[in-house]
Amino acid sequence: MVETVIEPSTVRSTPSSVSQGQVARARPLLEIPSDGYSRLEVPIEELNRVLGGGIVPGAVILIGGDPGIGKSTLLLQLAALMGAEGAPVLYISGEESPQQIKLRAARLGIQSPHLYLLSETNLSQILAQISELHPRVAIVDSIQSIYAPEMSSSAGSISQVRECAVALMRLAKAEAVPIFIVGHVTKAGNIAGPRVLEHIVDVVLYLEGERFHSYRLLRSAKNRFGSTNEVGVFEMCEQGLVEVPNPSEVFLEERLKHATGSAVAVTMEGTRPILVEVQALVSRSSMEYPRRNCNGVDLNRLLLLTAVLSKRVGLRLGDQDIFVNVVGGLRINEPAVDLAVATAIASSLYNRPVFEDLAIFGEVGLAGELRSVAQSERRMQEAAKLGFRRILVPPLKKRPSLPSDVKVLSARSLAEAIAKAIEPKG
């Protein structure tokens, strides 16, 4: 004999308009008021950039990242700064007690009288507190730790995560309260739980960074109210996450002068040009199959560039190990970094440095030709502002507005570009 407990079926709550017998009617766009829906300015400029210029009232923002990367630290700093303007801010934690959060706040130097803490995992209690307090911003840390009491499944399950996210989304839209949700990630780096979670929310942000680097990158994977190409740069310090207003200077400050296998690439992250150092090391392999390893660029792209260098330029790389690294932990996905990677590989193979004052960008084709990339003038202006007097680029249609002492080196092929980039012998 096995005892079976029969539980009542869960009844989904219906919208209030239907339960009261009202019928939802469509309204003309021009008759819908927009009062009170202006963006909330975020005191953290890097976060403000990624969000598209501020927080939209009623928006649900999901932020994910590896454990210990700084998600809770960033949101606690945001809560303190938003609460400093007088309006209440609610920080809800399902993983820490209020005393533990206060210890972390003391370490970060946070003292805000309008920051309210709540340690709760019951969704009904959380919704009631948000409705009662009506905060300027609410933060839920994390979505995997809260549960809906009317459901029999445990917290963190697919059904619980989905239902909790839907309930928070409905409350955010009804009360016009923006809600930040922290989401754990899987080993592959994706938000844990159902994929529909990312479709429910309005904005999906990822906080990235190498564990052994102090820099953190905040990227937008989805944004209904702005661009998904922007990136915010932070540095992890004792005082928490500190904004990096000029990432190019940070990524280049420890660059070794006249080092072989080093080239400066100009990449675009959204509307911001960033200069980074690309390093390559080429050494004779002792293995039957030479190794190809990279950090910060796509491995398939590295294999393609290696084949082009061998076939079109004539470099003997078949018996060489090749290692490529982007300094600072930044990951670059755009093809504009192709020319800098290829130049760094050639510099290491020839054991001759790239010109110290040279910045490089351009896409490399399979025929060894160089192709232009978007926003070339902005890239060159940023390089000139940081003191680079030579810029190696694919052919340009018109001369950009640059200082008179900046020389633009144009090349049509990869072989021509390498010859202009690497210092001569002696």
Protein backbone atom coordinates (compact mmCIF):
# COMPACT_ATOMS: atom_id res chain seq x y z
CA MET A 1 0.00 0.00 0.00
CA VAL A 2 1.37 3.42 -1.02
CA GLU A 3 -0.09 6.62 0.31
CA THR A 4 -0.87 9.17 -2.40
CA VAL A 5 -1.56 12.80 -1.55
CA ILE A 6 -4.00 14.44 -3.94
CA GLU A 7 -3.30 18.15 -4.14
CA PRO A 8 -5.71 20.69 -5.59
CA SER A 9 -4.79 21.83 -9.06
CA THR A 10 -3.17 25.21 -9.35
CA VAL A 11 -5.51 27.83 -10.76
CA ARG A 12 -3.79 30.57 -12.64
CA SER A 13 -4.82 34.02 -11.64
CA THR A 14 -6.63 35.95 -14.34
CA PRO A 15 -6.13 39.62 -15.05
CA SER A 16 -8.17 41.93 -12.84
CA SER A 17 -10.12 43.33 -15.79
CA VAL A 18 -11.45 39.88 -16.70
CA SER A 19 -12.26 38.93 -13.11
CA GLN A 20 -14.31 42.11 -12.69
CA GLY A 21 -16.22 41.47 -15.88
CA GLN A 22 -14.47 44.27 -17.78
CA VAL A 23 -13.42 43.90 -21.38
CA ALA A 24 -10.02 45.14 -22.56
CA ARG A 25 -10.37 47.53 -25.47
CA ALA A 26 -7.76 48.79 -27.90
CA ARG A 27 -6.88 52.48 -27.79
CA PRO A 28 -5.40 54.71 -30.48
CA LEU A 29 -1.66 55.31 -30.07
CA LEU A 30 -2.05 59.10 -29.94
CA GLU A 31 -4.55 58.89 -27.07
CA ILE A 32 -2.22 56.94 -24.78
CA PRO A 33 -0.57 59.34 -22.26
CA SER A 34 3.16 59.18 -21.78
CA ASP A 35 3.29 61.20 -18.56
CA GLY A 36 5.41 59.63 -15.84
CA TYR A 37 7.21 57.26 -18.19
CA SER A 38 10.38 59.23 -18.68
CA ARG A 39 13.57 57.26 -18.05
CA LEU A 40 15.10 57.22 -14.59
CA GLU A 41 18.65 58.52 -14.73
CA VAL A 42 21.14 55.99 -13.34
CA PRO A 43 23.99 57.48 -11.26
CA ILE A 44 26.36 54.83 -12.68
CA GLU A 45 27.24 56.13 -16.14
CA GLU A 46 28.52 52.82 -17.51
CA LEU A 47 25.28 51.08 -16.52
CA ASN A 48 23.31 54.02 -17.87
CA ARG A 49 25.05 53.56 -21.25
CA VAL A 50 24.25 49.86 -21.45
CA LEU A 51 20.59 50.40 -20.53
CA GLY A 52 20.19 52.89 -23.36
CA GLY A 53 20.08 56.12 -21.36
CA GLY A 54 18.36 55.15 -18.12
CA ILE A 55 15.78 52.84 -16.57
CA VAL A 56 12.32 52.74 -18.13
CA PRO A 57 9.55 52.62 -15.46
CA GLY A 58 8.01 49.17 -15.30
CA ALA A 59 10.96 47.49 -16.99
CA VAL A 60 12.10 44.04 -15.85
CA ILE A 61 15.88 43.72 -16.15
CA LEU A 62 17.64 40.36 -15.86
CA ILE A 63 21.35 40.34 -15.04
CA GLY A 64 23.42 37.17 -15.16
CA GLY A 65 27.04 36.21 -14.71
CA ASP A 66 29.39 33.67 -13.19
CA PRO A 67 29.38 33.21 -9.38
CA GLY A 68 31.47 35.86 -7.65
CA ILE A 69 31.73 38.07 -10.74
CA GLY A 70 30.09 41.04 -8.97
CA LYS A 71 26.35 40.95 -9.80
CA SER A 72 25.16 41.49 -6.22
CA THR A 73 27.87 44.08 -5.60
CA LEU A 74 26.86 46.12 -8.65
CA LEU A 75 23.15 46.02 -7.77
CA LEU A 76 23.77 46.91 -4.12
CA GLN A 77 25.79 49.93 -5.25
CA LEU A 78 22.99 50.85 -7.66
CA ALA A 79 20.40 50.54 -4.89
CA ALA A 80 22.39 52.81 -2.59
CA LEU A 81 22.88 55.47 -5.26
CA MET A 82 19.24 55.39 -6.35
CA GLY A 83 18.13 55.60 -2.72
CA ALA A 84 20.39 58.58 -2.08
CA GLU A 85 17.95 60.78 -4.03
CA GLY A 86 15.24 60.38 -1.39
CA ALA A 87 12.95 57.72 -2.87
CA PRO A 88 12.84 54.24 -1.27
CA VAL A 89 14.73 51.38 -2.95
CA LEU A 90 13.98 47.76 -2.04
CA TYR A 91 16.69 45.08 -2.11
CA ILE A 92 15.24 41.57 -1.78
CA SER A 93 17.62 38.68 -1.13
CA GLY A 94 16.64 35.04 -1.01
CA GLU A 95 20.20 33.90 -0.32
CA GLU A 96 21.48 36.28 2.38
CA SER A 97 20.15 37.58 5.67
CA PRO A 98 19.78 41.35 6.24
CA GLN A 99 22.78 41.24 8.59
CA GLN A 100 24.95 39.65 5.90
CA ILE A 101 23.88 42.26 3.36
CA LYS A 102 24.63 45.02 5.86
CA LEU A 103 28.14 43.64 6.36
CA ARG A 104 28.70 43.76 2.61
CA ALA A 105 27.27 47.28 2.49
CA ALA A 106 29.64 48.38 5.27
CA ARG A 107 32.59 46.98 3.32
CA LEU A 108 31.49 49.01 0.30
CA GLY A 109 30.97 52.15 2.41
CA ILE A 110 27.20 52.24 1.74
CA GLN A 111 25.06 54.22 4.20
CA SER A 112 21.68 55.03 2.66
CA PRO A 113 18.64 55.72 4.90
CA HIS A 114 16.26 55.01 2.02
CA LEU A 115 17.63 51.54 1.19
CA TYR A 116 15.28 48.84 2.47
CA LEU A 117 16.41 45.21 2.87
CA LEU A 118 14.16 42.17 2.78
CA SER A 119 15.28 38.56 3.21
CA GLU A 120 12.43 36.50 1.81
CA THR A 121 11.85 33.64 -0.62
CA ASN A 122 8.04 33.54 -0.63
CA LEU A 123 6.80 35.19 -3.81
CA SER A 124 3.52 36.33 -2.22
CA GLN A 125 5.37 38.17 0.54
CA ILE A 126 7.73 39.76 -1.99
CA LEU A 127 4.90 41.02 -4.19
CA ALA A 128 3.08 42.39 -1.14
CA GLN A 129 6.16 44.30 0.02
CA ILE A 130 6.76 45.81 -3.41
CA SER A 131 3.12 46.92 -3.66
CA GLU A 132 3.15 48.38 -0.15
CA LEU A 133 6.46 50.21 -0.35
CA HIS A 134 6.19 51.14 -4.06
CA PRO A 135 9.98 51.65 -4.34
CA ARG A 136 11.75 53.59 -7.01
CA VAL A 137 13.66 50.41 -7.93
CA ALA A 138 13.24 46.84 -6.68
CA ILE A 139 16.02 44.23 -6.83
CA VAL A 140 15.42 40.47 -6.52
CA ASP A 141 18.54 38.39 -5.81
CA SER A 142 18.01 35.78 -7.16
CA ILE A 143 15.12 34.43 -9.25
CA GLN A 144 16.23 30.83 -8.58
CA SER A 145 15.84 31.24 -4.80
CA ILE A 146 12.19 32.40 -4.64
CA TYR A 147 9.10 30.25 -4.98
CA ALA A 148 5.35 30.57 -5.48
CA PRO A 149 3.62 28.84 -2.51
CA GLU A 150 0.68 27.60 -4.59
CA MET A 151 3.01 25.42 -6.67
CA SER A 152 4.25 22.08 -5.36
CA SER A 153 7.64 22.14 -7.14
CA SER A 154 10.76 23.33 -5.34
CA ALA A 155 12.44 26.71 -5.79
CA GLY A 156 14.71 26.91 -8.80
CA SER A 157 12.70 24.46 -10.90
CA ILE A 158 11.64 25.38 -14.41
CA SER A 159 8.01 25.95 -13.50
CA GLN A 160 8.86 28.01 -10.40
CA VAL A 161 11.34 30.23 -12.24
CA ARG A 162 8.88 30.86 -15.05
CA GLU A 163 5.90 31.60 -12.81
CA CYS A 164 7.88 33.86 -10.46
CA ALA A 165 9.25 35.84 -13.40
CA VAL A 166 5.76 36.27 -14.90
CA ALA A 167 4.35 37.45 -11.56
CA LEU A 168 7.15 39.99 -11.11
CA MET A 169 6.67 41.18 -14.69
CA ARG A 170 2.92 41.73 -14.15
CA LEU A 171 3.53 43.69 -10.96
CA ALA A 172 6.25 45.81 -12.59
CA LYS A 173 3.94 46.79 -15.46
CA ALA A 174 0.96 47.45 -13.18
CA GLU A 175 2.85 49.52 -10.59
CA ALA A 176 5.40 51.07 -13.00
CA VAL A 177 8.18 49.86 -10.71
CA PRO A 178 11.41 48.77 -12.47
CA ILE A 179 12.64 45.42 -11.16
CA PHE A 180 16.16 44.03 -11.45
CA ILE A 181 16.38 40.23 -11.31
CA VAL A 182 19.61 38.32 -10.70
CA GLY A 183 19.84 35.02 -12.58
CA HIS A 184 22.39 32.26 -12.03
CA VAL A 185 24.19 30.92 -15.10
CA THR A 186 25.02 27.40 -16.25
CA LYS A 187 28.50 26.05 -17.00
CA ALA A 188 28.02 27.20 -20.59
CA GLY A 189 27.49 30.78 -19.38
CA ASN A 190 23.74 30.95 -20.15
CA ILE A 191 21.01 31.98 -17.73
CA ALA A 192 19.93 28.91 -15.76
CA GLY A 193 16.31 27.86 -16.10
CA PRO A 194 13.96 27.98 -19.05
CA ARG A 195 14.90 29.96 -22.12
CA VAL A 196 11.49 31.63 -21.93
CA LEU A 197 12.79 33.57 -18.92
CA GLU A 198 14.83 35.77 -21.27
CA HIS A 199 11.72 36.34 -23.43
CA ILE A 200 9.64 37.46 -20.45
CA VAL A 201 11.96 40.23 -19.29
CA ASP A 202 12.62 43.48 -21.14
CA VAL A 203 16.42 43.64 -20.77
CA VAL A 204 19.03 40.89 -20.42
CA LEU A 205 22.48 41.93 -19.18
CA TYR A 206 25.57 39.78 -18.72
CA LEU A 207 28.43 40.70 -16.39
CA GLU A 208 31.56 39.13 -17.83
CA GLY A 209 35.20 38.97 -16.84
CA GLU A 210 38.08 36.65 -16.14
CA ARG A 211 38.38 35.54 -12.54
CA PHE A 212 42.07 36.52 -12.45
CA HIS A 213 41.47 39.95 -14.02
CA SER A 214 40.07 42.93 -12.15
CA TYR A 215 38.05 44.26 -15.10
CA ARG A 216 34.39 43.44 -15.65
CA LEU A 217 32.37 44.00 -18.82
CA LEU A 218 28.62 44.55 -18.72
CA ARG A 219 27.01 43.56 -22.02
CA SER A 220 23.42 43.75 -23.22
CA ALA A 221 22.05 40.62 -24.92
CA LYS A 222 18.52 41.99 -25.20
CA ASN A 223 17.11 45.49 -24.76
CA ARG A 224 13.61 46.51 -25.77
CA PHE A 225 14.41 50.14 -25.02
CA GLY A 226 17.88 50.58 -26.49
CA SER A 227 20.82 49.16 -28.38
CA THR A 228 22.30 45.74 -27.65
CA ASN A 229 25.78 46.76 -28.85
CA GLU A 230 26.82 48.89 -25.89
CA VAL A 231 29.23 47.68 -23.22
CA GLY A 232 30.10 49.06 -19.80
CA VAL A 233 33.57 48.62 -18.29
CA PHE A 234 34.17 48.32 -14.55
CA GLU A 235 37.12 47.53 -12.31
CA MET A 236 36.71 45.41 -9.19
CA CYS A 237 38.30 47.21 -6.24
CA GLU A 238 37.97 47.10 -2.46
CA GLN A 239 35.22 49.70 -2.71
CA GLY A 240 33.26 47.54 -5.16
CA LEU A 241 32.89 48.01 -8.90
CA VAL A 242 34.41 51.29 -10.09
CA GLU A 243 33.61 52.75 -13.51
CA VAL A 244 36.33 52.88 -16.16
CA PRO A 245 35.50 55.96 -18.27
CA ASN A 246 38.40 55.45 -20.71
CA PRO A 247 39.02 51.71 -21.18
CA SER A 248 41.63 52.24 -23.91
CA GLU A 249 44.13 53.87 -21.54
CA VAL A 250 43.60 51.07 -19.01
CA PHE A 251 44.10 48.27 -21.52
CA LEU A 252 47.29 49.86 -22.91
CA GLU A 253 48.94 51.19 -19.74
CA GLU A 254 51.12 48.09 -19.17
CA ARG A 255 52.08 47.60 -22.80
CA LEU A 256 55.76 46.74 -23.28
CA LYS A 257 57.51 48.97 -25.81
CA HIS A 258 59.19 47.40 -28.84
CA ALA A 259 57.94 43.91 -27.94
CA THR A 260 57.61 41.46 -30.80
CA GLY A 261 54.23 39.89 -31.42
CA SER A 262 52.31 42.89 -30.06
CA ALA A 263 49.89 45.07 -32.05
CA VAL A 264 47.27 47.65 -31.04
CA ALA A 265 43.80 47.03 -32.48
CA VAL A 266 40.93 49.52 -32.61
CA THR A 267 37.62 47.79 -31.94
CA MET A 268 34.09 49.14 -31.52
CA GLU A 269 31.88 48.21 -28.60
CA GLY A 270 28.56 49.75 -29.53
CA THR A 271 29.22 53.43 -30.16
CA ARG A 272 32.50 53.47 -28.23
CA PRO A 273 35.88 52.84 -29.89
CA ILE A 274 38.31 50.92 -27.67
CA LEU A 275 42.03 50.34 -28.26
CA VAL A 276 43.35 47.00 -27.03
CA GLU A 277 46.66 45.21 -27.24
CA VAL A 278 46.69 41.96 -29.21
CA GLN A 279 49.60 39.63 -28.42
CA ALA A 280 50.79 36.65 -30.43
CA LEU A 281 53.47 34.08 -29.74
CA VAL A 282 54.78 31.85 -32.54
CA SER A 283 57.26 29.13 -31.67
CA ARG A 284 58.45 25.92 -33.30
CA SER A 285 56.26 22.99 -32.33
CA SER A 286 57.61 19.75 -30.92
CA MET A 287 54.33 17.95 -31.66
CA GLU A 288 53.05 16.32 -34.81
CA TYR A 289 50.08 18.68 -34.93
CA PRO A 290 50.95 22.28 -33.99
CA ARG A 291 48.73 23.91 -31.39
CA ARG A 292 46.43 26.87 -32.03
CA ASN A 293 45.24 28.55 -28.85
CA CYS A 294 43.59 31.92 -28.31
CA ASN A 295 42.03 34.02 -25.57
CA GLY A 296 39.73 36.90 -26.46
CA VAL A 297 39.19 36.06 -30.14
CA ASP A 298 37.34 33.25 -31.90
CA LEU A 299 39.42 30.12 -32.49
CA ASN A 300 37.86 29.51 -35.92
CA ARG A 301 38.82 33.05 -36.92
CA LEU A 302 42.40 32.39 -35.80
CA LEU A 303 42.54 29.23 -37.92
CA LEU A 304 41.26 31.18 -40.93
CA LEU A 305 43.86 33.93 -40.50
CA THR A 306 46.61 31.32 -40.12
CA ALA A 307 45.57 29.72 -43.42
CA VAL A 308 45.50 33.10 -45.18
CA LEU A 309 48.94 34.00 -43.82
CA SER A 310 50.33 30.69 -45.07
CA LYS A 311 48.67 30.71 -48.48
CA ARG A 312 48.56 34.40 -49.45
CA VAL A 313 51.53 35.89 -47.59
CA GLY A 314 53.86 32.88 -47.67
CA LEU A 315 54.51 32.54 -43.94
CA ARG A 316 55.64 29.06 -42.90
CA LEU A 317 53.30 28.32 -40.01
CA GLY A 318 52.69 24.60 -40.59
CA ASP A 319 55.23 23.57 -37.95
CA GLN A 320 54.65 26.46 -35.52
CA ASP A 321 52.56 26.69 -32.36
CA ILE A 322 50.45 29.87 -32.35
CA PHE A 323 49.07 31.53 -29.23
CA VAL A 324 46.97 34.72 -29.37
CA ASN A 325 45.77 36.80 -26.41
CA VAL A 326 43.74 40.00 -26.03
CA VAL A 327 45.14 41.86 -23.00
CA GLY A 328 42.72 42.78 -20.23
CA GLY A 329 40.25 39.93 -20.58
CA LEU A 330 38.24 41.65 -23.31
CA ARG A 331 36.58 39.36 -25.86
CA ILE A 332 36.36 40.73 -29.41
CA ASN A 333 33.93 39.25 -31.90
CA GLU A 334 34.04 41.74 -34.75
CA PRO A 335 36.23 41.06 -37.84
CA ALA A 336 37.90 44.48 -37.60
CA VAL A 337 40.54 42.93 -35.34
CA ASP A 338 41.68 40.51 -38.11
CA LEU A 339 44.48 42.72 -39.38
CA ALA A 340 45.91 43.31 -35.90
CA VAL A 341 45.92 39.57 -35.11
CA ALA A 342 47.61 38.72 -38.41
CA THR A 343 50.19 41.48 -37.93
CA ALA A 344 51.00 40.29 -34.40
CA ILE A 345 51.50 36.72 -35.67
CA ALA A 346 53.84 37.90 -38.44
CA SER A 347 55.74 40.10 -35.97
CA SER A 348 56.35 37.17 -33.64
CA LEU A 349 57.41 34.89 -36.51
CA TYR A 350 59.86 37.44 -37.94
CA ASN A 351 60.97 38.44 -34.40
CA ARG A 352 60.59 42.10 -35.38
CA PRO A 353 58.33 44.54 -33.48
CA VAL A 354 55.42 46.51 -34.87
CA PHE A 355 55.93 50.29 -34.95
CA GLU A 356 55.29 51.63 -31.47
CA ASP A 357 52.97 54.48 -32.54
CA LEU A 358 50.88 52.37 -34.95
CA ALA A 359 47.19 51.48 -34.47
CA ILE A 360 45.60 48.87 -36.72
CA PHE A 361 42.13 47.78 -37.80
CA GLY A 362 40.65 46.05 -40.84
CA GLU A 363 38.97 42.85 -41.99
CA VAL A 364 40.97 40.20 -43.84
CA GLY A 365 39.36 38.26 -46.72
CA LEU A 366 40.16 34.76 -47.93
CA ALA A 367 42.05 36.14 -50.92
CA GLY A 368 44.34 38.10 -48.62
CA GLU A 369 42.60 41.39 -49.41
CA LEU A 370 41.73 44.00 -46.78
CA ARG A 371 38.13 45.13 -46.42
CA SER A 372 36.86 48.31 -44.80
CA VAL A 373 34.90 48.23 -41.54
CA ALA A 374 32.18 50.41 -40.07
CA GLN A 375 32.86 53.72 -38.30
CA SER A 376 36.45 53.97 -39.54
CA GLU A 377 36.69 57.70 -38.85
CA ARG A 378 35.65 57.34 -35.21
CA ARG A 379 38.24 54.61 -34.72
CA MET A 380 41.00 56.78 -36.19
CA GLN A 381 39.99 59.80 -34.12
CA GLU A 382 40.16 57.73 -30.92
CA ALA A 383 43.60 56.39 -31.86
CA ALA A 384 44.86 59.90 -32.61
CA LYS A 385 43.48 61.17 -29.30
CA LEU A 386 45.51 58.54 -27.45
CA GLY A 387 48.76 59.59 -29.14
CA PHE A 388 49.09 57.16 -32.06
CA ARG A 389 50.70 58.98 -34.99
CA ARG A 390 50.25 56.21 -37.58
CA ILE A 391 47.08 54.27 -38.39
CA LEU A 392 47.08 51.24 -40.68
CA VAL A 393 43.73 50.74 -42.40
CA PRO A 394 42.18 49.27 -45.58
CA PRO A 395 41.69 51.69 -48.51
CA LEU A 396 39.52 54.69 -47.59
CA LYS A 397 37.08 56.54 -49.83
CA LYS A 398 37.86 59.93 -48.30
CA ARG A 399 40.44 61.48 -46.00
CA PRO A 400 39.12 61.70 -42.41
CA SER A 401 39.45 64.81 -40.30
CA LEU A 402 42.56 64.06 -38.24
CA PRO A 403 45.43 66.14 -36.82
CA SER A 404 48.07 67.03 -39.39
CA ASP A 405 50.76 64.96 -37.68
CA VAL A 406 48.74 61.72 -37.92
CA LYS A 407 49.70 59.59 -40.92
CA VAL A 408 47.17 57.18 -42.41
CA LEU A 409 48.79 54.10 -43.95
CA SER A 410 46.52 52.41 -46.47
CA ALA A 411 47.03 48.87 -47.77
CA ARG A 412 45.03 46.74 -50.17
CA SER A 413 46.48 43.34 -49.26
CA LEU A 414 47.58 41.61 -46.10
CA ALA A 415 51.16 41.22 -47.35
CA GLU A 416 51.39 44.97 -48.06
CA ALA A 417 49.96 45.81 -44.63
CA ILE A 418 52.46 43.58 -42.81
CA ALA A 419 55.34 45.18 -44.70
CA LYS A 420 54.19 48.65 -43.59
CA ALA A 421 53.47 47.65 -40.00
CA ILE A 422 56.65 45.80 -38.96
CA GLU A 423 59.89 47.63 -38.32
CA PRO A 424 62.69 46.83 -40.79
CA LYS A 425 65.70 44.77 -39.77
CA GLY A 426 68.49 46.47 -37.95
